[in-house]
Amino acid sequence: MVVIRLARGGAKARPFFNIVVADKRTRRDGHFIERIGFYNPIATATEERVRLAQDRLTYWKSVGAQASPTVERLVKQVAVTQAPVAQAA
């Protein structure tokens, strides 16, 4: 089974996560199939917090990959921040 999950990187006390597509049997930070984005939980106001290749996410879900609950939450956050703002007429 293929899953979409976070792989931890960064230094001690400075976490940084890659959003990866991997086989469920591999280690959290081990071999992965494709990197489709990142999540920086300690990003400042001027830095990018989440980046996600939406087209690749859609592709992997269409072929049966399952996203972890944390990745699902991040996808919803990205959808809210990228939603078009209605303009008042």
PDB file of N, CA and C in Angstrom:
ATOM      1  N   MET A   1       0.837  -1.176   0.000  1.00  0.00           N
ATOM      2  CA  MET A   1       0.000   0.000   0.000  1.00  0.00           C
ATOM      3  C   MET A   1       0.886   1.244   0.000  1.00  0.00           C
ATOM      4  N   VAL A   2       0.439   2.250  -0.719  1.00  0.00           N
ATOM      5  CA  VAL A   2       1.178   3.503  -0.825  1.00  0.00           C
ATOM      6  C   VAL A   2       0.486   4.543   0.056  1.00  0.00           C
ATOM      7  N   VAL A   3       1.283   5.291   0.811  1.00  0.00           N
ATOM      8  CA  VAL A   3       0.741   6.317   1.702  1.00  0.00           C
ATOM      9  C   VAL A   3       1.415   7.661   1.433  1.00  0.00           C
ATOM     10  N   ILE A   4       0.697   8.713   1.776  1.00  0.00           N
ATOM     11  CA  ILE A   4       1.229  10.072   1.698  1.00  0.00           C
ATOM     12  C   ILE A   4       1.393  10.518   3.138  1.00  0.00           C
ATOM     13  N   ARG A   5       2.628  10.784   3.542  1.00  0.00           N
ATOM     14  CA  ARG A   5       2.895  11.092   4.948  1.00  0.00           C
ATOM     15  C   ARG A   5       4.037  12.090   5.080  1.00  0.00           C
ATOM     16  N   LEU A   6       4.323  12.449   6.330  1.00  0.00           N
ATOM     17  CA  LEU A   6       5.410  13.380   6.613  1.00  0.00           C
ATOM     18  C   LEU A   6       6.692  12.611   6.908  1.00  0.00           C
ATOM     19  N   ALA A   7       7.806  13.137   6.438  1.00  0.00           N
ATOM     20  CA  ALA A   7       9.132  12.605   6.757  1.00  0.00           C
ATOM     21  C   ALA A   7       9.895  13.736   7.439  1.00  0.00           C
ATOM     22  N   ARG A   8      10.378  13.490   8.637  1.00  0.00           N
ATOM     23  CA  ARG A   8      11.001  14.554   9.427  1.00  0.00           C
ATOM     24  C   ARG A   8      12.425  14.833   8.984  1.00  0.00           C
ATOM     25  N   GLY A   9      12.758  16.100   9.003  1.00  0.00           N
ATOM     26  CA  GLY A   9      14.111  16.555   8.728  1.00  0.00           C
ATOM     27  C   GLY A   9      14.409  17.697   9.676  1.00  0.00           C
ATOM     28  N   GLY A  10      15.459  18.427   9.410  1.00  0.00           N
ATOM     29  CA  GLY A  10      15.802  19.562  10.257  1.00  0.00           C
ATOM     30  C   GLY A  10      16.642  19.139  11.449  1.00  0.00           C
ATOM     31  N   ALA A  11      17.035  20.119  12.229  1.00  0.00           N
ATOM     32  CA  ALA A  11      17.889  19.885  13.387  1.00  0.00           C
ATOM     33  C   ALA A  11      17.053  19.631  14.638  1.00  0.00           C
ATOM     34  N   LYS A  12      17.735  19.304  15.707  1.00  0.00           N
ATOM     35  CA  LYS A  12      17.062  19.119  16.980  1.00  0.00           C
ATOM     36  C   LYS A  12      16.383  20.427  17.383  1.00  0.00           C
ATOM     37  N   ALA A  13      15.141  20.348  17.794  1.00  0.00           N
ATOM     38  CA  ALA A  13      14.330  21.494  18.212  1.00  0.00           C
ATOM     39  C   ALA A  13      13.999  22.450  17.059  1.00  0.00           C
ATOM     40  N   ARG A  14      14.303  22.084  15.816  1.00  0.00           N
ATOM     41  CA  ARG A  14      13.936  22.879  14.640  1.00  0.00           C
ATOM     42  C   ARG A  14      13.391  21.936  13.575  1.00  0.00           C
ATOM     43  N   PRO A  15      12.173  21.426  13.780  1.00  0.00           N
ATOM     44  CA  PRO A  15      11.635  20.425  12.858  1.00  0.00           C
ATOM     45  C   PRO A  15      11.298  21.004  11.487  1.00  0.00           C
ATOM     46  N   PHE A  16      11.421  20.163  10.486  1.00  0.00           N
ATOM     47  CA  PHE A  16      11.048  20.472   9.112  1.00  0.00           C
ATOM     48  C   PHE A  16      10.570  19.159   8.516  1.00  0.00           C
ATOM     49  N   PHE A  17       9.438  19.175   7.858  1.00  0.00           N
ATOM     50  CA  PHE A  17       8.866  17.937   7.347  1.00  0.00           C
ATOM     51  C   PHE A  17       8.690  17.997   5.842  1.00  0.00           C
ATOM     52  N   ASN A  18       9.080  16.926   5.163  1.00  0.00           N
ATOM     53  CA  ASN A  18       8.780  16.768   3.750  1.00  0.00           C
ATOM     54  C   ASN A  18       7.501  15.955   3.642  1.00  0.00           C
ATOM     55  N   ILE A  19       6.640  16.324   2.712  1.00  0.00           N
ATOM     56  CA  ILE A  19       5.439  15.541   2.432  1.00  0.00           C
ATOM     57  C   ILE A  19       5.825  14.593   1.309  1.00  0.00           C
ATOM     58  N   VAL A  20       5.817  13.291   1.614  1.00  0.00           N
ATOM     59  CA  VAL A  20       6.321  12.294   0.673  1.00  0.00           C
ATOM     60  C   VAL A  20       5.277  11.223   0.397  1.00  0.00           C
ATOM     61  N   VAL A  21       5.446  10.580  -0.752  1.00  0.00           N
ATOM     62  CA  VAL A  21       4.675   9.397  -1.113  1.00  0.00           C
ATOM     63  C   VAL A  21       5.618   8.226  -0.907  1.00  0.00           C
ATOM     64  N   ALA A  22       5.204   7.266  -0.088  1.00  0.00           N
ATOM     65  CA  ALA A  22       6.095   6.152   0.249  1.00  0.00           C
ATOM     66  C   ALA A  22       5.293   4.872   0.413  1.00  0.00           C
ATOM     67  N   ASP A  23       5.999   3.765   0.365  1.00  0.00           N
ATOM     68  CA  ASP A  23       5.399   2.481   0.691  1.00  0.00           C
ATOM     69  C   ASP A  23       5.154   2.451   2.192  1.00  0.00           C
ATOM     70  N   LYS A  24       4.055   1.887   2.582  1.00  0.00           N
ATOM     71  CA  LYS A  24       3.694   1.882   4.003  1.00  0.00           C
ATOM     72  C   LYS A  24       4.711   1.137   4.859  1.00  0.00           C
ATOM     73  N   ARG A  25       5.416   0.191   4.287  1.00  0.00           N
ATOM     74  CA  ARG A  25       6.341  -0.649   5.058  1.00  0.00           C
ATOM     75  C   ARG A  25       7.689   0.008   5.312  1.00  0.00           C
ATOM     76  N   THR A  26       7.979   1.108   4.652  1.00  0.00           N
ATOM     77  CA  THR A  26       9.284   1.752   4.848  1.00  0.00           C
ATOM     78  C   THR A  26       9.279   2.619   6.093  1.00  0.00           C
ATOM     79  N   ARG A  27      10.479   2.899   6.602  1.00  0.00           N
ATOM     80  CA  ARG A  27      10.618   3.736   7.790  1.00  0.00           C
ATOM     81  C   ARG A  27      10.130   5.158   7.500  1.00  0.00           C
ATOM     82  N   ARG A  28       9.814   5.884   8.568  1.00  0.00           N
ATOM     83  CA  ARG A  28       9.289   7.247   8.436  1.00  0.00           C
ATOM     84  C   ARG A  28      10.230   8.139   7.637  1.00  0.00           C
ATOM     85  N   ASP A  29      11.511   8.080   7.937  1.00  0.00           N
ATOM     86  CA  ASP A  29      12.483   8.932   7.260  1.00  0.00           C
ATOM     87  C   ASP A  29      13.292   8.172   6.220  1.00  0.00           C
ATOM     88  N   GLY A  30      12.827   6.994   5.836  1.00  0.00           N
ATOM     89  CA  GLY A  30      13.562   6.155   4.906  1.00  0.00           C
ATOM     90  C   GLY A  30      13.262   6.474   3.448  1.00  0.00           C
ATOM     91  N   HIS A  31      13.382   5.456   2.621  1.00  0.00           N
ATOM     92  CA  HIS A  31      13.195   5.583   1.176  1.00  0.00           C
ATOM     93  C   HIS A  31      11.765   6.012   0.859  1.00  0.00           C
ATOM     94  N   PHE A  32      11.598   6.899  -0.121  1.00  0.00           N
ATOM     95  CA  PHE A  32      10.271   7.316  -0.548  1.00  0.00           C
ATOM     96  C   PHE A  32      10.205   7.324  -2.061  1.00  0.00           C
ATOM     97  N   ILE A  33       8.990   7.343  -2.593  1.00  0.00           N
ATOM     98  CA  ILE A  33       8.774   7.310  -4.030  1.00  0.00           C
ATOM     99  C   ILE A  33       8.901   8.702  -4.632  1.00  0.00           C
ATOM    100  N   GLU A  34       8.224   9.670  -4.008  1.00  0.00           N
ATOM    101  CA  GLU A  34       8.234  11.032  -4.544  1.00  0.00           C
ATOM    102  C   GLU A  34       8.007  12.042  -3.417  1.00  0.00           C
ATOM    103  N   ARG A  35       8.673  13.169  -3.510  1.00  0.00           N
ATOM    104  CA  ARG A  35       8.464  14.278  -2.569  1.00  0.00           C
ATOM    105  C   ARG A  35       7.503  15.246  -3.234  1.00  0.00           C
ATOM    106  N   ILE A  36       6.358  15.517  -2.585  1.00  0.00           N
ATOM    107  CA  ILE A  36       5.350  16.369  -3.217  1.00  0.00           C
ATOM    108  C   ILE A  36       5.147  17.705  -2.495  1.00  0.00           C
ATOM    109  N   GLY A  37       5.911  17.941  -1.437  1.00  0.00           N
ATOM    110  CA  GLY A  37       5.787  19.214  -0.757  1.00  0.00           C
ATOM    111  C   GLY A  37       6.559  19.241   0.543  1.00  0.00           C
ATOM    112  N   PHE A  38       6.327  20.302   1.321  1.00  0.00           N
ATOM    113  CA  PHE A  38       6.972  20.401   2.625  1.00  0.00           C
ATOM    114  C   PHE A  38       6.060  21.124   3.603  1.00  0.00           C
ATOM    115  N   TYR A  39       6.385  20.987   4.888  1.00  0.00           N
ATOM    116  CA  TYR A  39       5.678  21.652   5.980  1.00  0.00           C
ATOM    117  C   TYR A  39       6.725  22.146   6.965  1.00  0.00           C
ATOM    118  N   ASN A  40       6.706  23.457   7.233  1.00  0.00           N
ATOM    119  CA  ASN A  40       7.634  24.065   8.179  1.00  0.00           C
ATOM    120  C   ASN A  40       6.815  24.599   9.358  1.00  0.00           C
ATOM    121  N   PRO A  41       6.713  23.841  10.452  1.00  0.00           N
ATOM    122  CA  PRO A  41       5.840  24.249  11.553  1.00  0.00           C
ATOM    123  C   PRO A  41       6.319  25.483  12.316  1.00  0.00           C
ATOM    124  N   ILE A  42       7.574  25.848  12.190  1.00  0.00           N
ATOM    125  CA  ILE A  42       8.084  27.004  12.929  1.00  0.00           C
ATOM    126  C   ILE A  42       8.411  28.172  11.996  1.00  0.00           C
ATOM    127  N   ALA A  43       7.706  28.239  10.872  1.00  0.00           N
ATOM    128  CA  ALA A  43       7.934  29.311   9.909  1.00  0.00           C
ATOM    129  C   ALA A  43       7.490  30.644  10.492  1.00  0.00           C
ATOM    130  N   THR A  44       8.257  31.683  10.187  1.00  0.00           N
ATOM    131  CA  THR A  44       7.883  33.029  10.612  1.00  0.00           C
ATOM    132  C   THR A  44       6.862  33.590   9.629  1.00  0.00           C
ATOM    133  N   ALA A  45       6.423  34.788   9.868  1.00  0.00           N
ATOM    134  CA  ALA A  45       5.397  35.401   9.023  1.00  0.00           C
ATOM    135  C   ALA A  45       5.885  35.616   7.585  1.00  0.00           C
ATOM    136  N   THR A  46       7.184  35.787   7.401  1.00  0.00           N
ATOM    137  CA  THR A  46       7.715  36.037   6.059  1.00  0.00           C
ATOM    138  C   THR A  46       8.082  34.761   5.319  1.00  0.00           C
ATOM    139  N   GLU A  47       8.085  33.622   5.997  1.00  0.00           N
ATOM    140  CA  GLU A  47       8.458  32.357   5.369  1.00  0.00           C
ATOM    141  C   GLU A  47       7.224  31.559   4.983  1.00  0.00           C
ATOM    142  N   GLU A  48       7.414  30.701   4.006  1.00  0.00           N
ATOM    143  CA  GLU A  48       6.329  29.835   3.553  1.00  0.00           C
ATOM    144  C   GLU A  48       6.168  28.669   4.526  1.00  0.00           C
ATOM    145  N   ARG A  49       4.948  28.413   4.967  1.00  0.00           N
ATOM    146  CA  ARG A  49       4.684  27.377   5.967  1.00  0.00           C
ATOM    147  C   ARG A  49       4.431  26.013   5.324  1.00  0.00           C
ATOM    148  N   VAL A  50       3.623  25.988   4.272  1.00  0.00           N
ATOM    149  CA  VAL A  50       3.276  24.732   3.607  1.00  0.00           C
ATOM    150  C   VAL A  50       3.328  24.942   2.105  1.00  0.00           C
ATOM    151  N   ARG A  51       3.943  24.011   1.402  1.00  0.00           N
ATOM    152  CA  ARG A  51       3.904  23.996  -0.066  1.00  0.00           C
ATOM    153  C   ARG A  51       3.525  22.585  -0.476  1.00  0.00           C
ATOM    154  N   LEU A  52       2.611  22.482  -1.416  1.00  0.00           N
ATOM    155  CA  LEU A  52       2.103  21.183  -1.817  1.00  0.00           C
ATOM    156  C   LEU A  52       1.817  21.187  -3.309  1.00  0.00           C
ATOM    157  N   ALA A  53       2.319  20.182  -4.021  1.00  0.00           N
ATOM    158  CA  ALA A  53       2.033  20.042  -5.442  1.00  0.00           C
ATOM    159  C   ALA A  53       0.665  19.371  -5.563  1.00  0.00           C
ATOM    160  N   GLN A  54      -0.360  20.190  -5.749  1.00  0.00           N
ATOM    161  CA  GLN A  54      -1.735  19.706  -5.751  1.00  0.00           C
ATOM    162  C   GLN A  54      -1.990  18.697  -6.866  1.00  0.00           C
ATOM    163  N   ASP A  55      -1.382  18.897  -8.040  1.00  0.00           N
ATOM    164  CA  ASP A  55      -1.580  17.966  -9.141  1.00  0.00           C
ATOM    165  C   ASP A  55      -1.020  16.576  -8.824  1.00  0.00           C
ATOM    166  N   ARG A  56       0.136  16.535  -8.176  1.00  0.00           N
ATOM    167  CA  ARG A  56       0.727  15.243  -7.807  1.00  0.00           C
ATOM    168  C   ARG A  56      -0.073  14.572  -6.685  1.00  0.00           C
ATOM    169  N   LEU A  57      -0.602  15.350  -5.751  1.00  0.00           N
ATOM    170  CA  LEU A  57      -1.450  14.808  -4.694  1.00  0.00           C
ATOM    171  C   LEU A  57      -2.698  14.177  -5.302  1.00  0.00           C
ATOM    172  N   THR A  58      -3.322  14.869  -6.237  1.00  0.00           N
ATOM    173  CA  THR A  58      -4.510  14.353  -6.903  1.00  0.00           C
ATOM    174  C   THR A  58      -4.189  13.064  -7.654  1.00  0.00           C
ATOM    175  N   TYR A  59      -3.046  13.043  -8.343  1.00  0.00           N
ATOM    176  CA  TYR A  59      -2.653  11.840  -9.070  1.00  0.00           C
ATOM    177  C   TYR A  59      -2.485  10.652  -8.124  1.00  0.00           C
ATOM    178  N   TRP A  60      -1.733  10.827  -7.051  1.00  0.00           N
ATOM    179  CA  TRP A  60      -1.465   9.709  -6.150  1.00  0.00           C
ATOM    180  C   TRP A  60      -2.729   9.219  -5.466  1.00  0.00           C
ATOM    181  N   LYS A  61      -3.634  10.133  -5.134  1.00  0.00           N
ATOM    182  CA  LYS A  61      -4.899   9.698  -4.545  1.00  0.00           C
ATOM    183  C   LYS A  61      -5.734   8.930  -5.562  1.00  0.00           C
ATOM    184  N   SER A  62      -5.646   9.320  -6.835  1.00  0.00           N
ATOM    185  CA  SER A  62      -6.425   8.638  -7.874  1.00  0.00           C
ATOM    186  C   SER A  62      -5.948   7.212  -8.116  1.00  0.00           C
ATOM    187  N   VAL A  63      -4.694   6.940  -7.811  1.00  0.00           N
ATOM    188  CA  VAL A  63      -4.186   5.571  -7.999  1.00  0.00           C
ATOM    189  C   VAL A  63      -4.208   4.775  -6.703  1.00  0.00           C
ATOM    190  N   GLY A  64      -4.842   5.331  -5.657  1.00  0.00           N
ATOM    191  CA  GLY A  64      -5.076   4.553  -4.450  1.00  0.00           C
ATOM    192  C   GLY A  64      -4.235   4.881  -3.235  1.00  0.00           C
ATOM    193  N   ALA A  65      -3.408   5.897  -3.294  1.00  0.00           N
ATOM    194  CA  ALA A  65      -2.604   6.256  -2.125  1.00  0.00           C
ATOM    195  C   ALA A  65      -3.506   6.874  -1.058  1.00  0.00           C
ATOM    196  N   GLN A  66      -3.203   6.583   0.193  1.00  0.00           N
ATOM    197  CA  GLN A  66      -3.980   7.129   1.300  1.00  0.00           C
ATOM    198  C   GLN A  66      -3.127   8.121   2.069  1.00  0.00           C
ATOM    199  N   ALA A  67      -3.707   9.272   2.368  1.00  0.00           N
ATOM    200  CA  ALA A  67      -2.984  10.312   3.107  1.00  0.00           C
ATOM    201  C   ALA A  67      -3.150  10.091   4.605  1.00  0.00           C
ATOM    202  N   SER A  68      -2.109  10.430   5.352  1.00  0.00           N
ATOM    203  CA  SER A  68      -2.181  10.344   6.808  1.00  0.00           C
ATOM    204  C   SER A  68      -3.108  11.453   7.314  1.00  0.00           C
ATOM    205  N   PRO A  69      -3.614  11.326   8.539  1.00  0.00           N
ATOM    206  CA  PRO A  69      -4.488  12.375   9.074  1.00  0.00           C
ATOM    207  C   PRO A  69      -3.820  13.751   9.118  1.00  0.00           C
ATOM    208  N   THR A  70      -2.549  13.804   9.416  1.00  0.00           N
ATOM    209  CA  THR A  70      -1.837  15.081   9.464  1.00  0.00           C
ATOM    210  C   THR A  70      -1.743  15.700   8.074  1.00  0.00           C
ATOM    211  N   VAL A  71      -1.471  14.886   7.078  1.00  0.00           N
ATOM    212  CA  VAL A  71      -1.393  15.400   5.710  1.00  0.00           C
ATOM    213  C   VAL A  71      -2.768  15.880   5.265  1.00  0.00           C
ATOM    214  N   GLU A  72      -3.828  15.174   5.623  1.00  0.00           N
ATOM    215  CA  GLU A  72      -5.183  15.624   5.285  1.00  0.00           C
ATOM    216  C   GLU A  72      -5.464  16.997   5.887  1.00  0.00           C
ATOM    217  N   ARG A  73      -5.043  17.208   7.131  1.00  0.00           N
ATOM    218  CA  ARG A  73      -5.230  18.496   7.793  1.00  0.00           C
ATOM    219  C   ARG A  73      -4.466  19.597   7.056  1.00  0.00           C
ATOM    220  N   LEU A  74      -3.240  19.298   6.638  1.00  0.00           N
ATOM    221  CA  LEU A  74      -2.438  20.291   5.915  1.00  0.00           C
ATOM    222  C   LEU A  74      -3.050  20.606   4.554  1.00  0.00           C
ATOM    223  N   VAL A  75      -3.596  19.608   3.884  1.00  0.00           N
ATOM    224  CA  VAL A  75      -4.247  19.821   2.584  1.00  0.00           C
ATOM    225  C   VAL A  75      -5.430  20.765   2.753  1.00  0.00           C
ATOM    226  N   LYS A  76      -6.198  20.583   3.818  1.00  0.00           N
ATOM    227  CA  LYS A  76      -7.332  21.476   4.071  1.00  0.00           C
ATOM    228  C   LYS A  76      -6.861  22.889   4.363  1.00  0.00           C
ATOM    229  N   GLN A  77      -5.757  23.031   5.094  1.00  0.00           N
ATOM    230  CA  GLN A  77      -5.216  24.362   5.373  1.00  0.00           C
ATOM    231  C   GLN A  77      -4.777  25.050   4.093  1.00  0.00           C
ATOM    232  N   VAL A  78      -4.128  24.317   3.203  1.00  0.00           N
ATOM    233  CA  VAL A  78      -3.677  24.887   1.935  1.00  0.00           C
ATOM    234  C   VAL A  78      -4.876  25.298   1.089  1.00  0.00           C
ATOM    235  N   ALA A  79      -5.931  24.483   1.094  1.00  0.00           N
ATOM    236  CA  ALA A  79      -7.131  24.796   0.316  1.00  0.00           C
ATOM    237  C   ALA A  79      -7.792  26.071   0.822  1.00  0.00           C
ATOM    238  N   VAL A  80      -7.809  26.278   2.125  1.00  0.00           N
ATOM    239  CA  VAL A  80      -8.419  27.479   2.699  1.00  0.00           C
ATOM    240  C   VAL A  80      -7.595  28.715   2.364  1.00  0.00           C
ATOM    241  N   THR A  81      -6.276  28.613   2.455  1.00  0.00           N
ATOM    242  CA  THR A  81      -5.427  29.785   2.190  1.00  0.00           C
ATOM    243  C   THR A  81      -5.367  30.136   0.712  1.00  0.00           C
ATOM    244  N   GLN A  82      -5.566  29.140  -0.162  1.00  0.00           N
ATOM    245  CA  GLN A  82      -5.516  29.406  -1.600  1.00  0.00           C
ATOM    246  C   GLN A  82      -6.893  29.638  -2.199  1.00  0.00           C
ATOM    247  N   ALA A  83      -7.947  29.595  -1.387  1.00  0.00           N
ATOM    248  CA  ALA A  83      -9.299  29.818  -1.892  1.00  0.00           C
ATOM    249  C   ALA A  83      -9.421  31.252  -2.427  1.00  0.00           C
ATOM    250  N   PRO A  84     -10.093  31.405  -3.571  1.00  0.00           N
ATOM    251  CA  PRO A  84     -10.247  32.754  -4.115  1.00  0.00           C
ATOM    252  C   PRO A  84     -11.129  33.606  -3.205  1.00  0.00           C
ATOM    253  N   VAL A  85     -10.731  34.848  -3.038  1.00  0.00           N
ATOM    254  CA  VAL A  85     -11.468  35.765  -2.180  1.00  0.00           C
ATOM    255  C   VAL A  85     -12.538  36.442  -3.024  1.00  0.00           C
ATOM    256  N   ALA A  86     -13.774  36.397  -2.554  1.00  0.00           N
ATOM    257  CA  ALA A  86     -14.876  37.034  -3.278  1.00  0.00           C
ATOM    258  C   ALA A  86     -14.729  38.555  -3.160  1.00  0.00           C
ATOM    259  N   GLN A  87     -14.856  39.219  -4.287  1.00  0.00           N
ATOM    260  CA  GLN A  87     -14.717  40.671  -4.299  1.00  0.00           C
ATOM    261  C   GLN A  87     -16.097  41.318  -4.173  1.00  0.00           C
ATOM    262  N   ALA A  88     -16.156  42.327  -3.339  1.00  0.00           N
ATOM    263  CA  ALA A  88     -17.406  43.052  -3.155  1.00  0.00           C
ATOM    264  C   ALA A  88     -17.644  43.960  -4.358  1.00  0.00           C
ATOM    265  N   ALA A  89     -18.864  43.964  -4.846  1.00  0.00           N
ATOM    266  CA  ALA A  89     -19.189  44.782  -6.027  1.00  0.00           C
ATOM    267  C   ALA A  89     -19.775  46.106  -5.648  1.00  0.00           C
TER     268      ALA A  89
END
